[in-house]
């Protein structure tokens, strides 16, 4: 018992004198943004992964907005109507959707005569 008490006292003294031996820095957990950037960099060729990243409200805007250009018209429509996404992502999806709409063609000269 005396030996345990002595070891406990010595340990307390060592911890008090040299705390760096016992206090290891805790590594920072990667933020959602860091993970999203890495996934976008490595997996952006997969349409399902792109759509999942864009639809995730935690994905940084700097990651999701460039991916919008790679989405289909149907996917852009879904993103535009997703209430949980940042407004800038929804607005950009709307702009891209409008840019992709087919433009009305000019009437042919024979159509003007009638």
Protein backbone atom coordinates (compact mmCIF):
# COMPACT_ATOMS: atom_id res chain seq x y z
CA UNK A 1 0.00 0.00 0.00
CA UNK A 2 2.83 2.38 0.87
CA UNK A 3 4.43 1.61 -2.46
CA UNK A 4 1.23 2.56 -4.37
CA UNK A 5 0.95 5.77 -2.40
CA UNK A 6 4.59 6.60 -3.09
CA UNK A 7 4.15 5.91 -6.84
CA UNK A 8 1.04 8.09 -6.93
CA UNK A 9 2.89 10.96 -5.23
CA UNK A 10 5.86 10.63 -7.61
CA UNK A 11 3.52 10.55 -10.59
CA UNK A 12 1.73 13.69 -9.37
CA UNK A 13 5.07 15.48 -8.97
CA UNK A 14 6.26 14.43 -12.45
CA UNK A 15 2.98 15.54 -14.02
CA UNK A 16 3.22 18.88 -12.24
CA UNK A 17 6.85 19.45 -13.23
CA UNK A 18 6.79 18.08 -16.82
CA UNK A 19 3.19 18.22 -18.07
CA UNK A 20 4.23 17.97 -21.72
CA UNK A 21 5.10 14.30 -21.19
CA UNK A 22 1.47 13.49 -20.47
CA UNK A 23 -0.43 16.06 -22.50
CA UNK A 24 -0.43 15.02 -26.12
CA UNK A 25 -1.96 17.41 -28.62
CA UNK A 26 -5.29 16.16 -29.89
CA UNK A 27 -5.31 16.16 -33.66
CA UNK A 28 -7.91 18.43 -35.19
CA UNK A 29 -10.83 16.53 -36.64
CA UNK A 30 -11.27 17.41 -40.29
CA UNK A 31 -14.15 19.74 -40.91
CA UNK A 32 -16.98 18.79 -43.23
CA UNK A 33 -15.65 21.31 -45.74
CA UNK A 34 -12.24 19.65 -45.84
CA UNK A 35 -13.83 16.28 -46.45
CA UNK A 36 -16.15 17.66 -49.12
CA UNK A 37 -13.23 19.28 -50.95
CA UNK A 38 -11.29 16.03 -50.98
CA UNK A 39 -14.29 13.99 -52.13
CA UNK A 40 -15.01 16.52 -54.89
CA UNK A 41 -11.39 16.40 -56.02
CA UNK A 42 -11.19 12.60 -56.05
CA UNK A 43 -14.72 11.51 -56.98
CA UNK A 44 -16.18 14.30 -59.12
CA UNK A 45 -16.36 12.01 -62.15
CA UNK A 46 -19.24 10.15 -60.52
CA UNK A 47 -22.57 11.84 -61.14
CA UNK A 48 -24.11 10.40 -57.99
CA UNK A 49 -21.24 11.72 -55.85
CA UNK A 50 -21.47 15.18 -57.47
CA UNK A 51 -25.20 15.32 -56.80
CA UNK A 52 -24.74 14.10 -53.21
CA UNK A 53 -22.14 16.79 -52.55
CA UNK A 54 -24.30 19.54 -54.03
CA UNK A 55 -27.38 18.40 -52.10
CA UNK A 56 -25.51 18.29 -48.79
CA UNK A 57 -26.22 21.56 -46.93
CA UNK A 58 -22.87 21.21 -45.14
CA UNK A 59 -20.85 21.29 -48.35
CA UNK A 60 -19.07 24.64 -48.68
CA UNK A 61 -20.43 26.90 -51.41
CA UNK A 62 -16.94 27.04 -52.94
CA UNK A 63 -17.20 23.28 -53.55
CA UNK A 64 -20.85 22.93 -54.54
CA UNK A 65 -21.18 25.88 -56.97
CA UNK A 66 -18.50 24.67 -59.44
CA UNK A 67 -20.08 21.21 -59.41
CA UNK A 68 -23.41 22.68 -60.56
CA UNK A 69 -22.01 23.13 -64.06
CA UNK A 70 -21.63 19.35 -64.29
CA UNK A 71 -25.24 18.53 -63.34
CA UNK A 72 -28.04 17.67 -65.75
CA UNK A 73 -31.07 19.91 -66.25
CA UNK A 74 -33.20 17.60 -64.10
CA UNK A 75 -30.61 17.69 -61.30
CA UNK A 76 -30.37 21.49 -61.50
CA UNK A 77 -34.15 21.64 -61.16
CA UNK A 78 -33.94 19.51 -57.99
CA UNK A 79 -31.19 21.69 -56.54
CA UNK A 80 -33.12 24.86 -57.35
CA UNK A 81 -36.10 23.61 -55.33
CA UNK A 82 -34.12 22.27 -52.33
CA UNK A 83 -35.06 24.55 -49.44
CA UNK A 84 -32.20 23.41 -47.18
CA UNK A 85 -29.41 24.54 -49.54
CA UNK A 86 -27.72 27.95 -49.37
CA UNK A 87 -29.48 30.62 -51.46
CA UNK A 88 -26.41 31.18 -53.64
CA UNK A 89 -26.39 27.51 -54.64
CA UNK A 90 -30.10 27.58 -55.52
CA UNK A 91 -29.73 30.86 -57.43
CA UNK A 92 -26.77 29.55 -59.41
CA UNK A 93 -28.70 26.40 -60.25
CA UNK A 94 -31.55 28.59 -61.54
CA UNK A 95 -29.16 30.66 -63.69
CA UNK A 96 -27.59 27.54 -65.19
CA UNK A 97 -30.99 26.01 -65.80
CA UNK A 98 -32.10 29.14 -67.67
CA UNK A 99 -28.89 29.24 -69.71
CA UNK A 100 -29.41 25.67 -70.80
CA UNK A 101 -32.98 26.16 -71.97
CA UNK A 102 -33.21 26.02 -75.74
CA UNK A 103 -33.47 29.45 -77.25
CA UNK A 104 -36.46 30.18 -79.44
CA UNK A 105 -35.40 30.02 -83.02
CA UNK A 106 -36.04 32.88 -85.39
CA UNK A 107 -39.07 32.33 -87.60
CA UNK A 108 -38.30 31.12 -91.07
CA UNK A 109 -38.97 33.60 -93.89
CA UNK A 110 -41.84 31.52 -95.27
CA UNK A 111 -43.52 31.55 -91.84
CA UNK A 112 -43.53 35.36 -91.85
CA UNK A 113 -45.55 35.58 -95.08
CA UNK A 114 -48.69 33.97 -93.68
